[in-house]
Amino acid sequence: MKAARVNAGLNQTQVAEAMGVAVCTVHSWETGKTVPKKAQFEMYARICKRSPDKIFLPEKLRLK
């Protein structure tokens, strides 16, 4: 998740504010301490301008 955010040129504070969550929540998701709910993950992906599957699946494993 962090790579998608960084590639979008965003910091954790910007993502947290756009999502209405605490910065520590975004940090917990990105470090794997917690997992976002489906709707939160989809919003995170939209904010980072990525499709949800592109955040986790390596390029060579993506289904076409």
N, C-alpha and C. Protein backbone atom coordinates (compact mmCIF):
# COMPACT_ATOMS: atom_id res chain seq x y z
N MET A 1 0.82 -1.19 0.00
CA MET A 1 0.00 0.00 0.00
C MET A 1 0.87 1.25 0.00
N LYS A 2 1.92 1.22 0.76
CA LYS A 2 2.78 2.41 0.86
C LYS A 2 3.33 2.80 -0.51
N ALA A 3 3.75 1.82 -1.30
CA ALA A 3 4.31 2.13 -2.61
C ALA A 3 3.29 2.87 -3.49
N ALA A 4 2.04 2.47 -3.43
CA ALA A 4 1.00 3.14 -4.22
C ALA A 4 0.86 4.59 -3.78
N ARG A 5 0.89 4.81 -2.46
CA ARG A 5 0.76 6.18 -1.94
C ARG A 5 1.96 7.03 -2.33
N VAL A 6 3.16 6.48 -2.16
CA VAL A 6 4.37 7.23 -2.49
C VAL A 6 4.43 7.54 -3.98
N ASN A 7 4.08 6.54 -4.81
CA ASN A 7 4.06 6.76 -6.26
C ASN A 7 3.04 7.81 -6.68
N ALA A 8 2.01 7.99 -5.88
CA ALA A 8 1.00 9.02 -6.16
C ALA A 8 1.45 10.39 -5.66
N GLY A 9 2.60 10.43 -4.97
CA GLY A 9 3.11 11.70 -4.47
C GLY A 9 2.39 12.20 -3.22
N LEU A 10 1.85 11.27 -2.46
CA LEU A 10 1.08 11.64 -1.27
C LEU A 10 1.81 11.19 -0.01
N ASN A 11 1.56 11.91 1.09
CA ASN A 11 2.07 11.45 2.37
C ASN A 11 0.91 10.87 3.18
N GLN A 12 1.24 10.25 4.30
CA GLN A 12 0.20 9.61 5.11
C GLN A 12 -0.84 10.61 5.61
N THR A 13 -0.41 11.80 5.94
CA THR A 13 -1.33 12.82 6.42
C THR A 13 -2.36 13.18 5.37
N GLN A 14 -1.93 13.34 4.14
CA GLN A 14 -2.86 13.68 3.05
C GLN A 14 -3.89 12.57 2.84
N VAL A 15 -3.44 11.33 2.86
CA VAL A 15 -4.36 10.21 2.67
C VAL A 15 -5.33 10.14 3.84
N ALA A 16 -4.81 10.26 5.04
CA ALA A 16 -5.67 10.18 6.23
C ALA A 16 -6.74 11.27 6.21
N GLU A 17 -6.36 12.48 5.87
CA GLU A 17 -7.33 13.58 5.82
C GLU A 17 -8.38 13.33 4.74
N ALA A 18 -7.96 12.85 3.58
CA ALA A 18 -8.91 12.58 2.49
C ALA A 18 -9.88 11.47 2.86
N MET A 19 -9.43 10.54 3.70
CA MET A 19 -10.27 9.41 4.07
C MET A 19 -11.05 9.63 5.36
N GLY A 20 -10.67 10.65 6.11
CA GLY A 20 -11.35 10.90 7.37
C GLY A 20 -10.94 9.93 8.47
N VAL A 21 -9.68 9.47 8.41
CA VAL A 21 -9.15 8.58 9.44
C VAL A 21 -7.89 9.21 10.04
N ALA A 22 -7.41 8.63 11.12
CA ALA A 22 -6.20 9.12 11.76
C ALA A 22 -4.96 8.67 10.98
N VAL A 23 -3.90 9.45 11.07
CA VAL A 23 -2.64 9.11 10.40
C VAL A 23 -2.15 7.75 10.90
N CYS A 24 -2.32 7.48 12.19
CA CYS A 24 -1.85 6.19 12.72
C CYS A 24 -2.62 5.03 12.11
N THR A 25 -3.84 5.25 11.66
CA THR A 25 -4.61 4.21 10.99
C THR A 25 -3.97 3.87 9.64
N VAL A 26 -3.63 4.88 8.87
CA VAL A 26 -2.96 4.66 7.58
C VAL A 26 -1.63 3.96 7.81
N HIS A 27 -0.89 4.40 8.80
CA HIS A 27 0.40 3.78 9.13
C HIS A 27 0.21 2.29 9.47
N SER A 28 -0.81 1.98 10.25
CA SER A 28 -1.07 0.59 10.63
C SER A 28 -1.41 -0.27 9.42
N TRP A 29 -2.16 0.27 8.49
CA TRP A 29 -2.47 -0.47 7.26
C TRP A 29 -1.20 -0.74 6.46
N GLU A 30 -0.39 0.31 6.31
CA GLU A 30 0.80 0.19 5.47
C GLU A 30 1.87 -0.71 6.07
N THR A 31 1.88 -0.87 7.37
CA THR A 31 2.86 -1.74 8.01
C THR A 31 2.31 -3.13 8.28
N GLY A 32 1.05 -3.36 7.95
CA GLY A 32 0.45 -4.66 8.11
C GLY A 32 -0.04 -4.97 9.52
N LYS A 33 -0.06 -3.98 10.38
CA LYS A 33 -0.55 -4.20 11.74
C LYS A 33 -2.05 -4.40 11.77
N THR A 34 -2.75 -3.71 10.87
CA THR A 34 -4.20 -3.87 10.74
C THR A 34 -4.52 -3.93 9.25
N VAL A 35 -5.75 -4.29 8.96
CA VAL A 35 -6.21 -4.40 7.57
C VAL A 35 -7.42 -3.49 7.40
N PRO A 36 -7.42 -2.67 6.34
CA PRO A 36 -8.60 -1.81 6.13
C PRO A 36 -9.81 -2.63 5.71
N LYS A 37 -10.97 -2.11 6.01
CA LYS A 37 -12.21 -2.72 5.50
C LYS A 37 -12.22 -2.54 3.99
N LYS A 38 -13.03 -3.34 3.31
CA LYS A 38 -13.07 -3.29 1.85
C LYS A 38 -13.33 -1.88 1.32
N ALA A 39 -14.30 -1.20 1.87
CA ALA A 39 -14.63 0.16 1.40
C ALA A 39 -13.47 1.11 1.64
N GLN A 40 -12.79 0.95 2.77
CA GLN A 40 -11.63 1.81 3.06
C GLN A 40 -10.50 1.52 2.08
N PHE A 41 -10.26 0.25 1.80
CA PHE A 41 -9.21 -0.11 0.86
C PHE A 41 -9.50 0.45 -0.53
N GLU A 42 -10.74 0.35 -0.95
CA GLU A 42 -11.12 0.88 -2.26
C GLU A 42 -10.95 2.39 -2.31
N MET A 43 -11.28 3.07 -1.22
CA MET A 43 -11.09 4.52 -1.16
C MET A 43 -9.60 4.86 -1.20
N TYR A 44 -8.80 4.13 -0.46
CA TYR A 44 -7.35 4.32 -0.45
C TYR A 44 -6.80 4.19 -1.88
N ALA A 45 -7.24 3.15 -2.57
CA ALA A 45 -6.79 2.93 -3.95
C ALA A 45 -7.19 4.09 -4.86
N ARG A 46 -8.44 4.57 -4.72
CA ARG A 46 -8.89 5.71 -5.54
C ARG A 46 -8.04 6.95 -5.25
N ILE A 47 -7.77 7.21 -3.99
CA ILE A 47 -6.99 8.39 -3.62
C ILE A 47 -5.59 8.29 -4.23
N CYS A 48 -5.05 7.08 -4.27
CA CYS A 48 -3.71 6.86 -4.83
C CYS A 48 -3.74 6.68 -6.34
N LYS A 49 -4.93 6.80 -6.93
CA LYS A 49 -5.11 6.69 -8.38
C LYS A 49 -4.63 5.35 -8.92
N ARG A 50 -5.01 4.28 -8.20
CA ARG A 50 -4.68 2.91 -8.59
C ARG A 50 -5.93 2.06 -8.51
N SER A 51 -5.96 0.99 -9.26
CA SER A 51 -7.05 0.03 -9.07
C SER A 51 -6.62 -0.86 -7.90
N PRO A 52 -7.56 -1.33 -7.11
CA PRO A 52 -7.20 -2.13 -5.94
C PRO A 52 -6.31 -3.34 -6.26
N ASP A 53 -6.55 -4.01 -7.37
CA ASP A 53 -5.72 -5.19 -7.69
C ASP A 53 -4.28 -4.82 -7.98
N LYS A 54 -4.03 -3.64 -8.46
CA LYS A 54 -2.67 -3.22 -8.79
C LYS A 54 -1.86 -2.87 -7.54
N ILE A 55 -2.51 -2.70 -6.42
CA ILE A 55 -1.78 -2.38 -5.20
C ILE A 55 -1.09 -3.64 -4.66
N PHE A 56 -1.74 -4.79 -4.75
CA PHE A 56 -1.19 -6.00 -4.14
C PHE A 56 -0.63 -7.03 -5.10
N LEU A 57 -1.17 -7.11 -6.30
CA LEU A 57 -0.71 -8.16 -7.21
C LEU A 57 0.48 -7.70 -8.04
N PRO A 58 1.57 -8.48 -8.04
CA PRO A 58 2.71 -8.14 -8.89
C PRO A 58 2.29 -8.12 -10.36
N GLU A 59 2.94 -7.33 -11.13
CA GLU A 59 2.61 -7.15 -12.56
C GLU A 59 2.48 -8.49 -13.28
N LYS A 60 3.40 -9.40 -13.09
CA LYS A 60 3.38 -10.64 -13.85
C LYS A 60 2.28 -11.61 -13.40
N LEU A 61 1.67 -11.38 -12.24
CA LEU A 61 0.61 -12.25 -11.77
C LEU A 61 -0.79 -11.72 -12.03
N ARG A 62 -0.90 -10.50 -12.51
CA ARG A 62 -2.23 -9.93 -12.76
C ARG A 62 -2.95 -10.67 -13.86
N LEU A 63 -4.22 -10.92 -13.65
CA LEU A 63 -5.04 -11.56 -14.68
C LEU A 63 -5.44 -10.52 -15.70
N LYS A 64 -5.49 -10.93 -16.94
CA LYS A 64 -5.87 -9.98 -17.99
C LYS A 64 -7.28 -10.22 -18.41
